[in-house]
């Protein structure tokens, strides 16, 4: 552990800035709140941005095992609470690194706008999947009409699409 990391993990100094919204969310699991606070600890705050009117944060790049260690949870619990926080619109993440397995976790500043945008994206994804299912179904029907597949194969493939 480097000198700066050791200083960062010193429990005697500093504080962690956390949105009040998460504390007053009665529906959210207490362990998810604890994990959110742990993530916020790793999202070092940058100076106030006057143009955006907000405090900017770095993404959290701590490993799930490090989050588990600091929050006192198992890695599986961390994974489940991360998914819950993402579904509730408190965080989002990107995959980074060559292996595309490392999570870069971001805290959401405007949860309502994020959830509205997420709903729109989910709807677009659902429509795309419906189009792909329709296209696949039409392709299978065409193969049946050209006698490229049997009726049993057709029924199996159509059942798999649903």
Protein backbone atom coordinates (compact mmCIF):
# COMPACT_ATOMS: atom_id res chain seq x y z
CA UNK A 1 0.00 0.00 0.00
CA UNK A 2 1.38 3.38 -1.00
CA UNK A 3 1.85 6.33 1.34
CA UNK A 4 -1.17 8.19 -0.10
CA UNK A 5 -3.40 5.12 0.12
CA UNK A 6 -2.46 4.56 3.75
CA UNK A 7 -3.23 8.21 4.48
CA UNK A 8 -6.59 7.89 2.69
CA UNK A 9 -7.64 4.86 4.73
CA UNK A 10 -6.77 6.55 8.05
CA UNK A 11 -10.08 6.46 9.97
CA UNK A 12 -9.12 9.42 12.17
CA UNK A 13 -9.13 12.13 9.53
CA UNK A 14 -11.46 13.46 6.86
CA UNK A 15 -15.07 12.80 6.08
CA UNK A 16 -17.20 11.34 3.30
CA UNK A 17 -19.82 13.43 1.52
CA UNK A 18 -23.06 11.47 0.98
CA UNK A 19 -26.40 12.65 -0.41
CA UNK A 20 -29.23 12.99 2.11
CA UNK A 21 -31.54 11.34 -0.41
CA UNK A 22 -30.03 7.95 0.28
CA UNK A 23 -30.48 8.28 4.05
CA UNK A 24 -34.16 9.12 3.75
CA UNK A 25 -34.99 6.36 1.27
CA UNK A 26 -37.03 4.05 3.52
CA UNK A 27 -37.30 1.41 0.77
CA UNK A 28 -33.54 0.96 0.42
CA UNK A 29 -31.80 -1.86 2.26
CA UNK A 30 -29.49 -0.62 5.08
CA UNK A 31 -26.58 -2.68 3.70
CA UNK A 32 -27.05 -1.00 0.33
CA UNK A 33 -26.81 2.36 2.10
CA UNK A 34 -23.61 1.25 3.81
CA UNK A 35 -22.16 0.13 0.48
CA UNK A 36 -23.14 3.48 -1.09
CA UNK A 37 -21.22 5.27 1.68
CA UNK A 38 -18.22 3.01 1.08
CA UNK A 39 -18.34 3.80 -2.65
CA UNK A 40 -18.67 7.53 -1.89
CA UNK A 41 -15.53 7.25 0.23
CA UNK A 42 -13.59 6.14 -2.86
CA UNK A 43 -15.12 8.79 -5.15
CA UNK A 44 -12.71 11.53 -4.23
CA UNK A 45 -14.44 14.86 -4.65
CA UNK A 46 -12.95 17.33 -7.08
CA UNK A 47 -13.37 21.09 -6.59
CA UNK A 48 -16.77 22.75 -7.10
CA UNK A 49 -17.48 23.33 -10.80
CA UNK A 50 -19.15 26.73 -11.18
CA UNK A 51 -20.27 26.01 -14.78
CA UNK A 52 -22.06 22.79 -13.87
CA UNK A 53 -23.08 24.04 -10.44
CA UNK A 54 -22.03 20.81 -8.75
CA UNK A 55 -19.25 19.06 -6.93
CA UNK A 56 -17.52 16.76 -9.36
CA UNK A 57 -16.47 13.28 -8.35
CA UNK A 58 -13.97 10.77 -9.61
CA UNK A 59 -15.40 7.34 -10.31
CA UNK A 60 -14.83 4.62 -7.72
CA UNK A 61 -12.36 2.06 -9.01
CA UNK A 62 -12.05 0.01 -5.81
CA UNK A 63 -12.38 -3.71 -6.35
CA UNK A 64 -15.43 -5.56 -5.10
CA UNK A 65 -13.18 -7.39 -2.63
CA UNK A 66 -11.95 -4.03 -1.25
CA UNK A 67 -15.55 -2.77 -0.97
CA UNK A 68 -16.46 -6.02 0.82
CA UNK A 69 -13.52 -5.68 3.21
CA UNK A 70 -14.31 -2.07 4.18
CA UNK A 71 -18.09 -2.55 4.44
CA UNK A 72 -17.85 -5.90 6.27
CA UNK A 73 -19.92 -7.71 3.65
CA UNK A 74 -19.22 -10.75 1.53
CA UNK A 75 -18.28 -10.24 -2.13
CA UNK A 76 -21.59 -11.80 -3.17
CA UNK A 77 -23.50 -9.33 -0.96
CA UNK A 78 -21.50 -6.45 -2.46
CA UNK A 79 -22.42 -7.63 -5.96
CA UNK A 80 -26.12 -7.91 -5.03
CA UNK A 81 -26.18 -4.48 -3.34
CA UNK A 82 -24.37 -2.91 -6.32
CA UNK A 83 -27.11 -4.23 -8.58
CA UNK A 84 -29.78 -2.91 -6.20
CA UNK A 85 -28.16 0.55 -6.07
CA UNK A 86 -27.98 0.57 -9.88
CA UNK A 87 -31.64 -0.48 -10.25
CA UNK A 88 -32.69 2.25 -7.80
CA UNK A 89 -30.74 4.86 -9.76
CA UNK A 90 -28.10 5.74 -7.15
CA UNK A 91 -25.11 4.49 -9.15
CA UNK A 92 -24.14 3.36 -12.61
CA UNK A 93 -20.99 1.70 -13.84
CA UNK A 94 -18.82 1.19 -16.86
CA UNK A 95 -16.48 -1.67 -17.50
CA UNK A 96 -12.87 -0.71 -18.05
CA UNK A 97 -9.48 -2.27 -18.53
CA UNK A 98 -8.26 -4.75 -21.07
CA UNK A 99 -10.31 -7.55 -19.57
CA UNK A 100 -13.46 -5.33 -19.44
CA UNK A 101 -14.15 -6.82 -16.01
CA UNK A 102 -13.04 -3.94 -13.80
CA UNK A 103 -15.96 -1.79 -12.65
CA UNK A 104 -15.74 1.99 -12.69
CA UNK A 105 -18.60 3.00 -10.39
CA UNK A 106 -20.14 6.48 -10.64
CA UNK A 107 -22.51 8.13 -8.16
CA UNK A 108 -25.60 9.66 -9.77
CA UNK A 109 -26.10 13.37 -9.11
CA UNK A 110 -29.66 13.79 -10.42
CA UNK A 111 -31.48 10.53 -9.66
CA UNK A 112 -34.86 11.53 -11.17
CA UNK A 113 -33.32 12.51 -14.52
CA UNK A 114 -31.14 9.40 -14.47
CA UNK A 115 -34.14 7.10 -13.84
CA UNK A 116 -36.16 8.79 -16.60
CA UNK A 117 -33.26 8.37 -19.04
CA UNK A 118 -32.76 4.77 -17.89
CA UNK A 119 -36.46 4.03 -18.52
CA UNK A 120 -36.16 5.44 -22.04
CA UNK A 121 -33.04 3.37 -22.75
CA UNK A 122 -34.69 0.23 -21.34
CA UNK A 123 -37.73 0.84 -23.57
CA UNK A 124 -35.53 1.28 -26.65
CA UNK A 125 -33.67 -1.93 -25.77
CA UNK A 126 -36.96 -3.84 -25.34
CA UNK A 127 -38.19 -2.58 -28.72
CA UNK A 128 -34.91 -3.61 -30.35
CA UNK A 129 -35.19 -7.10 -28.83
CA UNK A 130 -38.80 -7.37 -30.10
CA UNK A 131 -37.66 -6.44 -33.60
CA UNK A 132 -34.88 -9.03 -33.46
CA UNK A 133 -37.33 -11.71 -32.26
CA UNK A 134 -39.73 -10.79 -35.07
CA UNK A 135 -36.93 -10.91 -37.64
CA UNK A 136 -35.77 -14.31 -36.34
CA UNK A 137 -39.33 -15.65 -36.40
CA UNK A 138 -39.81 -14.49 -40.01
CA UNK A 139 -36.50 -16.07 -41.01
CA UNK A 140 -37.52 -19.40 -39.46
CA UNK A 141 -40.91 -19.24 -41.21
CA UNK A 142 -39.17 -18.65 -44.53
CA UNK A 143 -36.92 -21.67 -43.95
CA UNK A 144 -40.01 -23.79 -43.25
CA UNK A 145 -41.67 -22.58 -46.46
CA UNK A 146 -38.53 -23.44 -48.45
CA UNK A 147 -38.48 -26.89 -46.77
CA UNK A 148 -35.06 -26.19 -45.25
CA UNK A 149 -36.30 -27.28 -41.80
CA UNK A 150 -38.95 -29.73 -40.63
CA UNK A 151 -42.17 -28.77 -38.82
CA UNK A 152 -40.72 -30.14 -35.54
CA UNK A 153 -37.56 -28.03 -35.91
CA UNK A 154 -39.75 -25.02 -36.68
CA UNK A 155 -41.84 -25.55 -33.52
CA UNK A 156 -38.69 -25.96 -31.38
CA UNK A 157 -37.09 -22.79 -32.75
CA UNK A 158 -40.27 -20.74 -32.35
CA UNK A 159 -40.68 -21.99 -28.76
CA UNK A 160 -37.07 -21.00 -28.01
CA UNK A 161 -37.70 -17.45 -29.25
CA UNK A 162 -40.58 -16.89 -26.83
